Amino acid sequence: MMHEAHEHQTGDELEARYANYFDVGHNAFEVVLAFGQYEVVSRPRIHTRIIAAPAYAKALLGLLTSAIEDYEKLYGEIAAGSKHE
C-alpha cells in the first residue's frame, strides 16, 4: 500500500520546504529534529525544527520506515548515501 501525505484542514495553506540536511538531538524529555538545505555556501541553513516527545518521534520512525519500504518496492533499493532528487 502506498502512503501519501494527508492534507489536514488548518484554515491556512501549508508551506512546503525542501530539505537535504537533517540533524537529530535529544534530552530526557524531547527529541529535536532539524531540517535544512545546503545552498551555495558549504554550511546548511536550518529552516525548521520539530520538537516532539520520544513516543511521537518513535511513531514518526515507524511511518518513515514503512514509507521507505513502500518506495523501495516500487522503485528499487535506495543505496546508502545516494542522492534521489
Protein backbone atom coordinates (compact mmCIF):
# COMPACT_ATOMS: atom_id res chain seq x y z
CA MET A 1 0.00 0.00 0.00
CA MET A 2 1.46 3.34 -0.97
CA HIS A 3 1.48 6.05 1.67
CA GLU A 4 0.55 9.53 0.61
CA ALA A 5 0.80 12.72 2.58
CA HIS A 6 -2.52 13.57 4.12
CA GLU A 7 -3.69 17.14 3.94
CA HIS A 8 -5.44 18.34 7.05
CA GLN A 9 -7.79 21.28 7.23
CA THR A 10 -5.96 24.08 9.05
CA GLY A 11 -7.60 27.18 7.66
CA ASP A 12 -4.23 28.25 6.25
CA GLU A 13 -2.31 26.92 3.28
CA LEU A 14 0.62 24.75 4.38
CA GLU A 15 4.13 25.78 3.40
CA ALA A 16 6.25 23.12 1.69
CA ARG A 17 10.03 23.26 2.24
CA TYR A 18 12.74 21.15 0.59
CA ALA A 19 15.29 19.59 2.93
CA ASN A 20 18.55 17.82 2.11
CA TYR A 21 20.11 18.27 5.56
CA PHE A 22 18.83 16.66 8.75
CA ASP A 23 20.02 16.63 12.34
CA VAL A 24 18.58 14.98 15.43
CA GLY A 25 19.18 15.77 19.08
CA HIS A 26 17.51 14.77 22.30
CA ASN A 27 17.31 15.18 26.04
CA ALA A 28 15.43 13.11 28.60
CA PHE A 29 12.08 14.63 27.60
CA GLU A 30 12.26 15.63 23.92
CA VAL A 31 13.59 14.66 20.53
CA VAL A 32 14.59 17.63 18.34
CA LEU A 33 14.54 17.20 14.56
CA ALA A 34 16.25 19.91 12.49
CA PHE A 35 15.66 20.25 8.76
CA GLY A 36 17.68 22.42 6.43
CA GLN A 37 19.06 22.91 2.99
CA TYR A 38 22.54 23.10 1.60
CA GLU A 39 22.80 26.22 -0.50
CA VAL A 40 25.76 27.87 -2.22
CA VAL A 41 27.79 28.01 0.98
CA SER A 42 29.14 24.78 2.45
CA ARG A 43 27.10 25.00 5.66
CA PRO A 44 23.42 24.07 5.66
CA ARG A 45 20.78 26.63 6.51
CA ILE A 46 18.32 25.24 9.08
CA HIS A 47 14.77 26.31 8.26
CA THR A 48 12.62 24.10 10.52
CA ARG A 49 12.87 22.49 13.95
CA ILE A 50 10.34 19.98 15.20
CA ILE A 51 10.29 19.14 18.90
CA ALA A 52 8.40 16.02 19.94
CA ALA A 53 8.04 13.68 22.88
CA PRO A 54 10.09 10.49 22.43
CA ALA A 55 6.95 8.38 21.89
CA TYR A 56 5.89 10.59 18.96
CA ALA A 57 9.40 10.53 17.50
CA LYS A 58 9.24 6.72 17.62
CA ALA A 59 5.87 6.82 15.84
CA LEU A 60 7.46 9.01 13.15
CA LEU A 61 10.28 6.49 12.78
CA GLY A 62 7.70 3.77 12.12
CA LEU A 63 5.97 5.90 9.48
CA LEU A 64 9.27 6.70 7.75
CA THR A 65 10.35 3.05 7.81
CA SER A 66 7.07 1.96 6.24
CA ALA A 67 7.23 4.71 3.60
CA ILE A 68 10.81 3.78 2.62
CA GLU A 69 9.86 0.09 2.37
CA ASP A 70 6.95 1.01 0.06
CA TYR A 71 9.20 3.29 -2.03
CA GLU A 72 11.82 0.58 -2.48
CA LYS A 73 9.17 -1.96 -3.54
CA LEU A 74 8.11 0.41 -6.32
CA TYR A 75 11.42 1.96 -7.38
CA GLY A 76 14.20 -0.30 -6.12
CA GLU A 77 16.61 -0.17 -3.23
CA ILE A 78 17.98 3.18 -2.16
CA ALA A 79 21.75 2.92 -1.84
CA ALA A 80 23.15 4.35 1.39
CA GLY A 81 24.37 7.89 0.78
CA SER A 82 22.75 8.12 -2.64
CA LYS A 83 21.04 11.26 -3.87
CA HIS A 84 17.49 10.59 -5.00
CA GLU A 85 16.31 14.01 -6.06
